[in-house]
Amino acid sequence: MKMKPSSPNEEHHDLENAKSDKDKVRTPRNGRGVKVYNQALLSGLAYCFSSCGMILVNKLVLSSYDFNAGISLMLYQNLISVAIVSVLSLLGLVSTEPLTWRLIKVWLPVNFIFVGMLVTSMFSLKYINVAMVTVLKNVTNVITALGEMYLFKKHHDGKVWASLFLMIISAITGGITDLSFNAVGYAWQTLNCFLTASYSLMLQRVMDTAKQVTKSGNLNEFSMVLLNNTLSVPLGIFLIIVFNEMDYLLSTPLLRLPSFWLVMTFSGFLGLAISFTSMWFLHQTGATTYSLVGSLNKIPLSIAGILLFKVPTSLENSASILFGLLAGVFFARAKIRERSQS
């Protein structure tokens, strides 16, 4: 017996009914209902766990294990993402665009920046503690805001600029008071901030062009994950040769440790999990909640980084880290206010 297919409006109505029946929990007959949106809560927790876990596990591999092949770690993580998304696509669970030569040519400049962003993040994490990395990442917001102003003629209000100024102050004071200061690590993190900002700015321009050369006229997040990670493989191999990581990989005893491979593989799954959970969380809530949670997420991440890796710190450095994290929250709230007024 064939059932009549539902219209989009009916499907939307059914989805809303399902959410109201399953996702909302009310207190019994007290006149005041408490609503709990389980989907939003679950997706938010999943996003926080994956993003925090990715940084902490990478720090564990590069610092605690003293693994001196950050590019190889990036390549291994990218291969895991390609394999999983490809399998999901073959099973029909997700839809991805075919990687045509026209699409590759359009996307390749973005991919160079993407790989540089990942590599510099690996190098900086090896030398800098997690708390300072999260504070220094705020500099990316400053560079991005300046780029939006000059490239897209976008104007920001006073509260946004005030929060950006606080971020700069926190980064400077954090570096001055950092008891484990490493100039090489700070140089890599500075470069990472520029590349991360360039990636977000360039992505806004390239995405529209890329959509025009796809068969469907669209480019979803799964396609971008597959495209970025697939194109990064040959570039990653080239960088491994340039940085002479092959000799290290052939000689290090770490690759003979099953526990090390387990941690490496787990980091690859976390990298892919960030892509999925961020999309899920965005769908359940919105860009404003997503950005605010991302800023709040840095606070427990910084505390966990200090405690887990026994980072030497001082009252001044801890205060500057907290100051920087609060500046990030202030920035997210200012952007939400700016977006609501535009």
Foldseek 3Di string as FASTA:
>chain_A
DDDDDDDPVVVVVVVVVCQVVPQFDFDPPPPDTDGGRVLLVVLLVLLLCLVLVLLVLLLCLCAVVVDPQQLVLVLLLLVLLLVVLVVCVVVVVDPAFDDDPVLCVLCVVLLVLVSLLSSLSSLLSRQDFLLLLLLLLLLLVVLLVVCCCVPVVDDADPLLVVLSVLSVVLNVLLQVQAPSHDPRSVVSSVVSSVSVSVSVVVCVVSLQVSLVPTPVSHGDLSNVSNSSSVSVNVVSVVVCVVVVVVVVVVPDCLVVDPVSVVSSVVSSVSVSSNSVSLVSSCVVPHDLVSQLSVLVSSVVSSVCRCVVVVRDGDPSNVVSSVSSSVSSNSNSVSVVVVVVVD
